[in-house]
């Protein structure tokens, strides 16, 4: 799995991704993934007396920069869709962003 960085500005972003897969067949497989990404965006730093994050409502998630996630040699892919989008974002005072999606 690779993650492309947005190059519209000169801010450096640290992007961490982890994927755990158990493969029964090395030729082709299908899977459901819960993606949890963490990066630092200095533009989102805010003053706070605690380390508690701000939780972003799912209606506003599309207003934030999210890394372009892709799988080389992927045959097909889709996002799990239910009544309410299966996504969440937490932003910490130091600008750390935690993004979860299925």
C-alpha atoms as a PDB file:
ATOM      1  CA  UNK A   1       0.000   0.000   0.000  1.00  0.00           C
ATOM      2  CA  UNK A   2       1.298   3.421  -0.875  1.00  0.00           C
ATOM      3  CA  UNK A   3       0.225   6.888   0.064  1.00  0.00           C
ATOM      4  CA  UNK A   4       0.658   9.891  -2.196  1.00  0.00           C
ATOM      5  CA  UNK A   5       1.421  13.185  -0.543  1.00  0.00           C
ATOM      6  CA  UNK A   6      -0.378  16.391  -1.539  1.00  0.00           C
ATOM      7  CA  UNK A   7       2.240  18.685  -3.060  1.00  0.00           C
ATOM      8  CA  UNK A   8       0.184  21.914  -3.260  1.00  0.00           C
ATOM      9  CA  UNK A   9       2.239  23.547  -0.516  1.00  0.00           C
ATOM     10  CA  UNK A  10       5.630  23.107   1.121  1.00  0.00           C
ATOM     11  CA  UNK A  11       4.376  21.784   4.494  1.00  0.00           C
ATOM     12  CA  UNK A  12       5.891  18.441   5.364  1.00  0.00           C
ATOM     13  CA  UNK A  13       3.460  15.685   6.252  1.00  0.00           C
ATOM     14  CA  UNK A  14       4.357  12.522   8.094  1.00  0.00           C
ATOM     15  CA  UNK A  15       2.151   9.643   6.959  1.00  0.00           C
ATOM     16  CA  UNK A  16       2.048   6.248   8.691  1.00  0.00           C
ATOM     17  CA  UNK A  17       0.165   3.265   7.299  1.00  0.00           C
ATOM     18  CA  UNK A  18      -0.036  -0.297   8.548  1.00  0.00           C
ATOM     19  CA  UNK A  19      -1.785  -3.228   6.909  1.00  0.00           C
ATOM     20  CA  UNK A  20      -2.073  -6.730   8.290  1.00  0.00           C
ATOM     21  CA  UNK A  21      -3.174  -9.426   5.842  1.00  0.00           C
ATOM     22  CA  UNK A  22      -3.355 -13.171   6.084  1.00  0.00           C
ATOM     23  CA  UNK A  23      -3.122 -14.579   2.580  1.00  0.00           C
ATOM     24  CA  UNK A  24      -4.297 -18.052   1.683  1.00  0.00           C
ATOM     25  CA  UNK A  25      -3.482 -17.550  -1.973  1.00  0.00           C
ATOM     26  CA  UNK A  26      -0.614 -15.470  -3.323  1.00  0.00           C
ATOM     27  CA  UNK A  27      -2.168 -15.050  -6.794  1.00  0.00           C
ATOM     28  CA  UNK A  28      -5.364 -13.162  -6.045  1.00  0.00           C
ATOM     29  CA  UNK A  29      -7.424 -12.351  -2.969  1.00  0.00           C
ATOM     30  CA  UNK A  30     -10.198 -10.141  -1.661  1.00  0.00           C
ATOM     31  CA  UNK A  31     -10.401  -8.516   1.735  1.00  0.00           C
ATOM     32  CA  UNK A  32     -12.174  -5.938   3.872  1.00  0.00           C
ATOM     33  CA  UNK A  33      -9.888  -3.384   5.451  1.00  0.00           C
ATOM     34  CA  UNK A  34     -10.285  -0.925   8.260  1.00  0.00           C
ATOM     35  CA  UNK A  35      -7.843   1.849   7.377  1.00  0.00           C
ATOM     36  CA  UNK A  36      -6.373   3.895  10.216  1.00  0.00           C
ATOM     37  CA  UNK A  37      -4.019   6.630   9.113  1.00  0.00           C
ATOM     38  CA  UNK A  38      -2.077   9.104  11.232  1.00  0.00           C
ATOM     39  CA  UNK A  39      -0.222  12.162  10.004  1.00  0.00           C
ATOM     40  CA  UNK A  40       0.771  15.605  11.264  1.00  0.00           C
ATOM     41  CA  UNK A  41      -0.628  18.734   9.646  1.00  0.00           C
ATOM     42  CA  UNK A  42       0.844  21.822  11.310  1.00  0.00           C
ATOM     43  CA  UNK A  43      -1.979  23.971   9.882  1.00  0.00           C
ATOM     44  CA  UNK A  44      -4.394  22.214  12.276  1.00  0.00           C
ATOM     45  CA  UNK A  45      -2.526  22.968  15.536  1.00  0.00           C
ATOM     46  CA  UNK A  46      -4.665  24.606  18.206  1.00  0.00           C
ATOM     47  CA  UNK A  47      -4.126  25.782  21.797  1.00  0.00           C
ATOM     48  CA  UNK A  48      -5.509  23.486  24.484  1.00  0.00           C
ATOM     49  CA  UNK A  49      -5.037  22.768  28.176  1.00  0.00           C
ATOM     50  CA  UNK A  50      -5.322  19.005  27.558  1.00  0.00           C
ATOM     51  CA  UNK A  51      -4.282  16.439  24.959  1.00  0.00           C
ATOM     52  CA  UNK A  52      -7.904  15.615  24.125  1.00  0.00           C
ATOM     53  CA  UNK A  53      -8.723  15.571  20.411  1.00  0.00           C
ATOM     54  CA  UNK A  54     -11.473  17.356  18.541  1.00  0.00           C
ATOM     55  CA  UNK A  55     -13.838  14.901  16.842  1.00  0.00           C
ATOM     56  CA  UNK A  56     -14.906  16.012  13.376  1.00  0.00           C
ATOM     57  CA  UNK A  57     -18.518  15.181  12.419  1.00  0.00           C
ATOM     58  CA  UNK A  58     -18.806  12.881   9.398  1.00  0.00           C
ATOM     59  CA  UNK A  59     -20.570  15.679   7.468  1.00  0.00           C
ATOM     60  CA  UNK A  60     -17.355  17.760   7.529  1.00  0.00           C
ATOM     61  CA  UNK A  61     -14.739  15.097   6.784  1.00  0.00           C
ATOM     62  CA  UNK A  62     -14.642  15.930   3.061  1.00  0.00           C
ATOM     63  CA  UNK A  63     -13.408  19.443   3.941  1.00  0.00           C
ATOM     64  CA  UNK A  64     -10.086  18.043   5.198  1.00  0.00           C
ATOM     65  CA  UNK A  65      -7.012  16.948   3.256  1.00  0.00           C
ATOM     66  CA  UNK A  66      -6.800  13.144   3.283  1.00  0.00           C
ATOM     67  CA  UNK A  67      -3.897  11.207   1.728  1.00  0.00           C
ATOM     68  CA  UNK A  68      -4.619   9.580  -1.619  1.00  0.00           C
ATOM     69  CA  UNK A  69      -4.460   5.885  -0.708  1.00  0.00           C
ATOM     70  CA  UNK A  70      -4.031   3.288  -3.432  1.00  0.00           C
ATOM     71  CA  UNK A  71      -2.914  -0.301  -3.947  1.00  0.00           C
ATOM     72  CA  UNK A  72      -0.575  -1.023  -6.875  1.00  0.00           C
ATOM     73  CA  UNK A  73      -1.956  -3.755  -9.186  1.00  0.00           C
ATOM     74  CA  UNK A  74      -5.413  -3.566  -7.603  1.00  0.00           C
ATOM     75  CA  UNK A  75      -8.094  -5.150  -9.812  1.00  0.00           C
ATOM     76  CA  UNK A  76     -11.035  -3.364  -8.204  1.00  0.00           C
ATOM     77  CA  UNK A  77     -11.888  -1.550  -5.017  1.00  0.00           C
ATOM     78  CA  UNK A  78     -14.826   0.092  -3.330  1.00  0.00           C
ATOM     79  CA  UNK A  79     -15.628   1.964  -0.160  1.00  0.00           C
ATOM     80  CA  UNK A  80     -17.931   0.391   2.384  1.00  0.00           C
ATOM     81  CA  UNK A  81     -21.119   2.453   2.314  1.00  0.00           C
ATOM     82  CA  UNK A  82     -23.899   2.417   4.857  1.00  0.00           C
ATOM     83  CA  UNK A  83     -26.564   4.917   5.931  1.00  0.00           C
ATOM     84  CA  UNK A  84     -23.947   7.111   7.633  1.00  0.00           C
ATOM     85  CA  UNK A  85     -20.408   7.283   6.171  1.00  0.00           C
ATOM     86  CA  UNK A  86     -18.096   4.859   7.951  1.00  0.00           C
ATOM     87  CA  UNK A  87     -15.349   7.467   8.585  1.00  0.00           C
ATOM     88  CA  UNK A  88     -14.025   9.511  11.463  1.00  0.00           C
ATOM     89  CA  UNK A  89     -11.338  12.120  12.068  1.00  0.00           C
ATOM     90  CA  UNK A  90      -9.756  13.170  15.355  1.00  0.00           C
ATOM     91  CA  UNK A  91      -7.469  16.202  15.487  1.00  0.00           C
ATOM     92  CA  UNK A  92      -5.075  16.619  18.411  1.00  0.00           C
ATOM     93  CA  UNK A  93      -3.710  19.979  19.671  1.00  0.00           C
ATOM     94  CA  UNK A  94      -0.254  19.349  18.134  1.00  0.00           C
ATOM     95  CA  UNK A  95      -1.778  18.937  14.642  1.00  0.00           C
ATOM     96  CA  UNK A  96      -1.810  15.117  14.644  1.00  0.00           C
ATOM     97  CA  UNK A  97      -4.702  13.816  12.557  1.00  0.00           C
ATOM     98  CA  UNK A  98      -6.147  10.304  13.039  1.00  0.00           C
ATOM     99  CA  UNK A  99      -8.351   9.140  10.188  1.00  0.00           C
ATOM    100  CA  UNK A 100     -10.386   5.924  10.288  1.00  0.00           C
ATOM    101  CA  UNK A 101     -12.425   4.443   7.451  1.00  0.00           C
ATOM    102  CA  UNK A 102     -13.677   1.128   6.217  1.00  0.00           C
END
